[in-house]
C-alpha atoms as a PDB file:
ATOM      1  CA  MET A   1      -5.677 283.798 112.543  1.00  0.00           C
ATOM      2  CA  LYS A   2      -6.266 282.946 115.464  1.00  0.00           C
ATOM      3  CA  THR A   3      -2.590 282.933 118.071  1.00  0.00           C
ATOM      4  CA  PRO A   4      -2.236 282.314 121.925  1.00  0.00           C
ATOM      5  CA  PRO A   5      -3.021 285.612 124.404  1.00  0.00           C
ATOM      6  CA  LYS A   6      -0.029 287.909 123.502  1.00  0.00           C
ATOM      7  CA  THR A   7       2.876 287.514 126.003  1.00  0.00           C
ATOM      8  CA  ALA A   8       4.517 289.988 128.206  1.00  0.00           C
ATOM      9  CA  THR A   9       7.899 290.442 126.531  1.00  0.00           C
ATOM     10  CA  THR A  10       9.744 290.086 129.359  1.00  0.00           C
ATOM     11  CA  ASP A  11       8.169 286.512 129.744  1.00  0.00           C
ATOM     12  CA  MET A  12       9.549 285.789 126.397  1.00  0.00           C
ATOM     13  CA  GLU A  13      12.841 283.624 125.408  1.00  0.00           C
ATOM     14  CA  VAL A  14      15.135 285.356 123.832  1.00  0.00           C
ATOM     15  CA  THR A  15      16.162 283.126 120.227  1.00  0.00           C
ATOM     16  CA  SER A  16      18.744 284.631 117.723  1.00  0.00           C
ATOM     17  CA  ILE A  17      17.886 284.147 113.731  1.00  0.00           C
ATOM     18  CA  ARG A  18      19.892 284.899 110.945  1.00  0.00           C
ATOM     19  CA  LEU A  19      17.500 286.843 108.218  1.00  0.00           C
ATOM     20  CA  GLU A  20      18.416 287.992 104.613  1.00  0.00           C
ATOM     21  CA  LYS A  21      18.421 291.662 104.923  1.00  0.00           C
ATOM     22  CA  VAL A  22      15.673 292.145 101.978  1.00  0.00           C
ATOM     23  CA  LEU A  23      13.400 289.319 104.055  1.00  0.00           C
ATOM     24  CA  LYS A  24      13.901 291.432 107.084  1.00  0.00           C
ATOM     25  CA  GLU A  25      13.400 294.421 105.268  1.00  0.00           C
ATOM     26  CA  ARG A  26       9.786 293.360 103.543  1.00  0.00           C
ATOM     27  CA  LEU A  27       8.810 292.056 107.099  1.00  0.00           C
ATOM     28  CA  LYS A  28       9.590 295.587 108.330  1.00  0.00           C
ATOM     29  CA  GLU A  29       7.252 296.991 105.512  1.00  0.00           C
ATOM     30  CA  LEU A  30       4.645 294.312 105.884  1.00  0.00           C
ATOM     31  CA  SER A  31       4.068 294.675 109.534  1.00  0.00           C
ATOM     32  CA  GLY A  32       3.354 298.373 109.941  1.00  0.00           C
ATOM     33  CA  ASN A  33       3.253 299.455 113.568  1.00  0.00           C
ATOM     34  CA  GLN A  34       2.531 296.149 115.093  1.00  0.00           C
ATOM     35  CA  GLY A  35       6.510 295.756 114.306  1.00  0.00           C
ATOM     36  CA  TYR A  36       8.286 292.545 112.496  1.00  0.00           C
ATOM     37  CA  GLN A  37       9.354 291.001 115.263  1.00  0.00           C
ATOM     38  CA  ALA A  38       5.273 290.437 116.267  1.00  0.00           C
ATOM     39  CA  LEU A  39       4.841 289.397 112.927  1.00  0.00           C
ATOM     40  CA  ILE A  40       7.554 286.913 112.693  1.00  0.00           C
ATOM     41  CA  ARG A  41       6.037 285.090 115.827  1.00  0.00           C
ATOM     42  CA  ASP A  42       2.336 285.324 114.131  1.00  0.00           C
ATOM     43  CA  ILE A  43       3.799 283.462 111.061  1.00  0.00           C
ATOM     44  CA  LEU A  44       5.397 280.966 113.098  1.00  0.00           C
ATOM     45  CA  TRP A  45       2.088 280.373 115.421  1.00  0.00           C
ATOM     46  CA  ASN A  46       0.053 280.161 112.566  1.00  0.00           C
ATOM     47  CA  TYR A  47       2.681 277.342 110.831  1.00  0.00           C
ATOM     48  CA  VAL A  48       2.431 275.572 114.060  1.00  0.00           C
ATOM     49  CA  GLN A  49      -1.097 275.632 114.670  1.00  0.00           C
ATOM     50  CA  GLN A  50      -1.609 274.122 110.689  1.00  0.00           C
ATOM     51  CA  LYS A  51       0.499 271.500 111.058  1.00  0.00           C
ATOM     52  CA  SER A  52      -0.579 270.522 114.538  1.00  0.00           C
ATOM     53  CA  GLY A  53      -3.980 270.407 112.728  1.00  0.00           C
ATOM     54  CA  GLU A  54      -5.331 273.067 115.418  1.00  0.00           C
ATOM     55  CA  TYR A  55      -6.095 275.917 112.849  1.00  0.00           C
ATOM     56  CA  ARG A  56      -9.442 277.033 112.057  1.00  0.00           C
ATOM     57  CA  PRO A  57      -9.284 280.013 109.397  1.00  0.00           C
ATOM     58  CA  GLN A  58     -12.251 282.339 110.313  1.00  0.00           C
ATOM     59  CA  PHE A  59     -14.337 283.369 108.124  1.00  0.00           C
ATOM     60  CA  ILE A  60     -17.550 285.542 107.526  1.00  0.00           C
ATOM     61  CA  PRO A  61     -20.165 285.076 104.528  1.00  0.00           C
ATOM     62  CA  SER A  62     -18.579 289.047 102.728  1.00  0.00           C
ATOM     63  CA  ASP A  63     -15.009 287.120 102.565  1.00  0.00           C
ATOM     64  CA  ILE A  64     -16.220 284.814  99.562  1.00  0.00           C
ATOM     65  CA  ARG A  65     -16.078 286.139  96.221  1.00  0.00           C
ATOM     66  CA  VAL A  66     -17.187 283.331  94.190  1.00  0.00           C
ATOM     67  CA  ILE A  67     -18.447 279.330  94.904  1.00  0.00           C
ATOM     68  CA  PHE A  68     -18.214 276.492  92.806  1.00  0.00           C
ATOM     69  CA  GLU A  69     -20.987 273.153  93.589  1.00  0.00           C
ATOM     70  CA  ALA A  70     -18.281 270.142  94.658  1.00  0.00           C
ATOM     71  CA  THR A  71     -18.567 266.381  96.323  1.00  0.00           C
ATOM     72  CA  ALA A  72     -16.934 265.747  99.768  1.00  0.00           C
ATOM     73  CA  LYS A  73     -13.859 263.866  99.154  1.00  0.00           C
ATOM     74  CA  LYS A  74     -13.271 263.268 103.169  1.00  0.00           C
ATOM     75  CA  ASP A  75     -14.938 264.553 106.208  1.00  0.00           C
ATOM     76  CA  GLU A  76     -14.910 268.643 105.917  1.00  0.00           C
ATOM     77  CA  SER A  77     -16.022 271.105 108.021  1.00  0.00           C
ATOM     78  CA  CYS A  78     -17.900 274.459 106.904  1.00  0.00           C
ATOM     79  CA  VAL A  79     -15.630 277.558 107.584  1.00  0.00           C
ATOM     80  CA  LEU A  80     -18.632 279.752 108.035  1.00  0.00           C
ATOM     81  CA  THR A  81     -20.544 277.431 110.241  1.00  0.00           C
ATOM     82  CA  GLY A  82     -18.588 274.419 111.795  1.00  0.00           C
ATOM     83  CA  LYS A  83     -21.264 272.032 110.171  1.00  0.00           C
ATOM     84  CA  LEU A  84     -19.871 268.473 109.503  1.00  0.00           C
ATOM     85  CA  ILE A  85     -19.912 268.043 105.924  1.00  0.00           C
ATOM     86  CA  ASN A  86     -19.567 264.068 105.156  1.00  0.00           C
ATOM     87  CA  GLN A  87     -17.915 261.875 102.371  1.00  0.00           C
ATOM     88  CA  ASN A  88     -19.624 261.944  99.163  1.00  0.00           C
ATOM     89  CA  GLU A  89     -21.579 264.440 100.268  1.00  0.00           C
ATOM     90  CA  SER A  90     -22.905 267.681  98.351  1.00  0.00           C
ATOM     91  CA  MET A  91     -20.950 271.036  99.416  1.00  0.00           C
ATOM     92  CA  LEU A  92     -19.577 274.142  97.984  1.00  0.00           C
ATOM     93  CA  LEU A  93     -16.218 275.144  97.897  1.00  0.00           C
ATOM     94  CA  GLY A  94     -15.802 279.160  98.310  1.00  0.00           C
ATOM     95  CA  LEU A  95     -13.076 281.163  96.747  1.00  0.00           C
ATOM     96  CA  THR A  96     -12.418 284.083  99.297  1.00  0.00           C
ATOM     97  CA  ILE A  97     -10.922 287.321  99.036  1.00  0.00           C
ATOM     98  CA  TYR A  98      -7.881 286.465 100.775  1.00  0.00           C
ATOM     99  CA  GLY A  99      -7.125 283.644  97.802  1.00  0.00           C
ATOM    100  CA  ASP A 100      -8.520 280.531 100.138  1.00  0.00           C
ATOM    101  CA  LEU A 101     -10.256 277.755  98.806  1.00  0.00           C
ATOM    102  CA  VAL A 102     -12.848 276.718 101.448  1.00  0.00           C
ATOM    103  CA  PRO A 103     -15.320 274.298 102.123  1.00  0.00           C
ATOM    104  CA  LEU A 104     -19.009 275.651 102.673  1.00  0.00           C
ATOM    105  CA  SER A 105     -22.031 273.715 103.656  1.00  0.00           C
ATOM    106  CA  ILE A 106     -25.142 274.089 101.123  1.00  0.00           C
ATOM    107  CA  ASP A 107     -27.122 276.033 103.010  1.00  0.00           C
ATOM    108  CA  SER A 108     -24.363 278.095 105.138  1.00  0.00           C
ATOM    109  CA  LEU A 109     -24.809 280.946 102.577  1.00  0.00           C
ATOM    110  CA  ASP A 110     -28.399 281.402 102.959  1.00  0.00           C
END
């Protein structure tokens, strides 16, 4: 997850948001020392990047648990190498330790 560089809180705009009490408590539990407001900002930046097409997940080979042979139905980009996988080209699908199913080029795990 690649978020923009950290901004000083004095340079941020104050925004009010209403959250269910149970959601706020869960966010606090998940955030640890980071703080739940920083976690919410990370979540929102990830959402914006995914919706805008800027999101590029970053994985390493040890993140891949299982691979499946597949055929690209559209152009894809290997998450390990960035190599283009053309439409109708043989490829692999990798199931990551995080539960993501990601495109892999055939030689990316060699």
